[in-house]
C-alpha atoms as a PDB file:
ATOM      1  CA  UNK A   1       1.891  25.239 -35.924  1.00  0.00           C
ATOM      2  CA  UNK A   2       0.282  28.393 -34.719  1.00  0.00           C
ATOM      3  CA  UNK A   3       0.143  28.994 -30.816  1.00  0.00           C
ATOM      4  CA  UNK A   4      -3.157  29.792 -29.177  1.00  0.00           C
ATOM      5  CA  UNK A   5      -3.294  32.850 -26.987  1.00  0.00           C
ATOM      6  CA  UNK A   6      -3.636  30.527 -23.883  1.00  0.00           C
ATOM      7  CA  UNK A   7      -0.471  28.641 -24.898  1.00  0.00           C
ATOM      8  CA  UNK A   8       1.411  31.833 -25.357  1.00  0.00           C
ATOM      9  CA  UNK A   9       0.257  33.042 -21.979  1.00  0.00           C
ATOM     10  CA  UNK A  10       1.268  29.783 -20.271  1.00  0.00           C
ATOM     11  CA  UNK A  11       4.715  29.857 -21.910  1.00  0.00           C
ATOM     12  CA  UNK A  12       5.297  33.376 -20.729  1.00  0.00           C
ATOM     13  CA  UNK A  13       4.271  32.497 -17.182  1.00  0.00           C
ATOM     14  CA  UNK A  14       6.595  29.540 -17.148  1.00  0.00           C
ATOM     15  CA  UNK A  15       9.443  31.594 -18.309  1.00  0.00           C
ATOM     16  CA  UNK A  16       8.787  34.164 -15.546  1.00  0.00           C
ATOM     17  CA  UNK A  17       8.579  31.530 -12.880  1.00  0.00           C
ATOM     18  CA  UNK A  18      11.712  29.749 -14.077  1.00  0.00           C
ATOM     19  CA  UNK A  19      13.630  32.965 -13.738  1.00  0.00           C
ATOM     20  CA  UNK A  20      12.436  33.656 -10.181  1.00  0.00           C
ATOM     21  CA  UNK A  21      15.037  33.020  -7.489  1.00  0.00           C
ATOM     22  CA  UNK A  22      14.171  30.718  -4.600  1.00  0.00           C
ATOM     23  CA  UNK A  23      13.426  32.063  -1.112  1.00  0.00           C
ATOM     24  CA  UNK A  24      16.222  31.539   1.480  1.00  0.00           C
ATOM     25  CA  UNK A  25      15.679  31.391   5.227  1.00  0.00           C
ATOM     26  CA  UNK A  26      17.477  34.068   7.192  1.00  0.00           C
ATOM     27  CA  UNK A  27      17.553  36.336  10.216  1.00  0.00           C
ATOM     28  CA  UNK A  28      17.992  40.076  10.055  1.00  0.00           C
ATOM     29  CA  UNK A  29      21.100  41.201  11.966  1.00  0.00           C
ATOM     30  CA  UNK A  30      21.123  44.903  10.950  1.00  0.00           C
ATOM     31  CA  UNK A  31      19.198  47.293   8.733  1.00  0.00           C
ATOM     32  CA  UNK A  32      21.194  50.237   7.242  1.00  0.00           C
ATOM     33  CA  UNK A  33      18.530  52.314   5.435  1.00  0.00           C
ATOM     34  CA  UNK A  34      21.073  55.205   4.893  1.00  0.00           C
ATOM     35  CA  UNK A  35      23.264  52.965   2.830  1.00  0.00           C
ATOM     36  CA  UNK A  36      20.425  50.840   1.331  1.00  0.00           C
ATOM     37  CA  UNK A  37      21.996  47.632   2.959  1.00  0.00           C
ATOM     38  CA  UNK A  38      20.874  44.762   5.145  1.00  0.00           C
ATOM     39  CA  UNK A  39      22.931  42.323   7.129  1.00  0.00           C
ATOM     40  CA  UNK A  40      21.441  38.754   7.038  1.00  0.00           C
ATOM     41  CA  UNK A  41      22.474  35.509   8.742  1.00  0.00           C
ATOM     42  CA  UNK A  42      21.403  32.972   6.124  1.00  0.00           C
ATOM     43  CA  UNK A  43      21.413  29.299   5.144  1.00  0.00           C
ATOM     44  CA  UNK A  44      22.995  28.000   2.010  1.00  0.00           C
ATOM     45  CA  UNK A  45      22.313  29.931  -1.239  1.00  0.00           C
ATOM     46  CA  UNK A  46      22.612  27.062  -3.731  1.00  0.00           C
ATOM     47  CA  UNK A  47      22.111  29.071  -6.888  1.00  0.00           C
ATOM     48  CA  UNK A  48      24.993  31.384  -5.947  1.00  0.00           C
ATOM     49  CA  UNK A  49      27.110  28.499  -4.568  1.00  0.00           C
ATOM     50  CA  UNK A  50      27.307  30.288  -1.218  1.00  0.00           C
ATOM     51  CA  UNK A  51      27.562  28.458   2.115  1.00  0.00           C
ATOM     52  CA  UNK A  52      25.673  29.572   5.285  1.00  0.00           C
ATOM     53  CA  UNK A  53      27.024  32.846   6.801  1.00  0.00           C
ATOM     54  CA  UNK A  54      26.275  36.276   7.915  1.00  0.00           C
ATOM     55  CA  UNK A  55      26.889  38.972   5.350  1.00  0.00           C
ATOM     56  CA  UNK A  56      25.796  42.465   4.132  1.00  0.00           C
ATOM     57  CA  UNK A  57      23.668  42.618   1.065  1.00  0.00           C
ATOM     58  CA  UNK A  58      22.690  45.640  -1.117  1.00  0.00           C
ATOM     59  CA  UNK A  59      18.829  45.972  -1.424  1.00  0.00           C
ATOM     60  CA  UNK A  60      17.244  46.492  -4.834  1.00  0.00           C
ATOM     61  CA  UNK A  61      14.192  48.459  -3.447  1.00  0.00           C
ATOM     62  CA  UNK A  62      14.736  50.617  -0.351  1.00  0.00           C
ATOM     63  CA  UNK A  63      11.080  50.029   0.579  1.00  0.00           C
ATOM     64  CA  UNK A  64      12.012  46.503   1.376  1.00  0.00           C
ATOM     65  CA  UNK A  65      13.946  47.633   4.428  1.00  0.00           C
ATOM     66  CA  UNK A  66      10.808  49.227   5.998  1.00  0.00           C
ATOM     67  CA  UNK A  67       9.293  45.753   6.242  1.00  0.00           C
ATOM     68  CA  UNK A  68      11.901  44.292   8.652  1.00  0.00           C
ATOM     69  CA  UNK A  69      13.993  45.052  11.652  1.00  0.00           C
ATOM     70  CA  UNK A  70      16.982  43.380  13.503  1.00  0.00           C
ATOM     71  CA  UNK A  71      16.030  39.974  14.999  1.00  0.00           C
ATOM     72  CA  UNK A  72      13.303  39.268  12.471  1.00  0.00           C
ATOM     73  CA  UNK A  73      13.173  35.715  10.919  1.00  0.00           C
ATOM     74  CA  UNK A  74      12.744  36.234   7.092  1.00  0.00           C
ATOM     75  CA  UNK A  75      12.717  34.615   3.743  1.00  0.00           C
ATOM     76  CA  UNK A  76      14.406  36.436   1.005  1.00  0.00           C
ATOM     77  CA  UNK A  77      15.668  36.165  -2.537  1.00  0.00           C
ATOM     78  CA  UNK A  78      19.014  37.361  -3.658  1.00  0.00           C
ATOM     79  CA  UNK A  79      20.766  37.565  -6.953  1.00  0.00           C
ATOM     80  CA  UNK A  80      23.977  38.920  -8.341  1.00  0.00           C
ATOM     81  CA  UNK A  81      23.317  42.194 -10.009  1.00  0.00           C
ATOM     82  CA  UNK A  82      26.236  44.002 -11.714  1.00  0.00           C
ATOM     83  CA  UNK A  83      28.624  41.857  -9.561  1.00  0.00           C
ATOM     84  CA  UNK A  84      26.899  42.835  -6.304  1.00  0.00           C
ATOM     85  CA  UNK A  85      24.879  40.442  -4.148  1.00  0.00           C
ATOM     86  CA  UNK A  86      21.490  42.121  -4.026  1.00  0.00           C
ATOM     87  CA  UNK A  87      18.352  41.268  -2.081  1.00  0.00           C
ATOM     88  CA  UNK A  88      15.468  41.391  -4.569  1.00  0.00           C
ATOM     89  CA  UNK A  89      12.534  40.376  -2.255  1.00  0.00           C
ATOM     90  CA  UNK A  90      12.116  39.857   1.510  1.00  0.00           C
ATOM     91  CA  UNK A  91       9.141  38.750   3.739  1.00  0.00           C
ATOM     92  CA  UNK A  92       8.620  37.888   7.351  1.00  0.00           C
ATOM     93  CA  UNK A  93       8.873  34.094   7.890  1.00  0.00           C
ATOM     94  CA  UNK A  94       5.671  32.407   9.091  1.00  0.00           C
END
């Protein structure tokens, strides 16, 4: 059966959304722009089997660090990239 262009588009969107990581609630403890790192106190990160804690993360895009400062409540996504826990997105919590 041949797929319509709309079906192909919907399948591509579903695949992209399925690969997206959930947002985790956290609080910025420290921003280290020189090292491209951020320290976050966070809740459980289920997809990484990680309990709540404070830890230092690498940041995928240095521009993300300009959005936040110590003390900010945030929501972020993190993944393990080349064996390193890396923040891939971050936003101020509402």
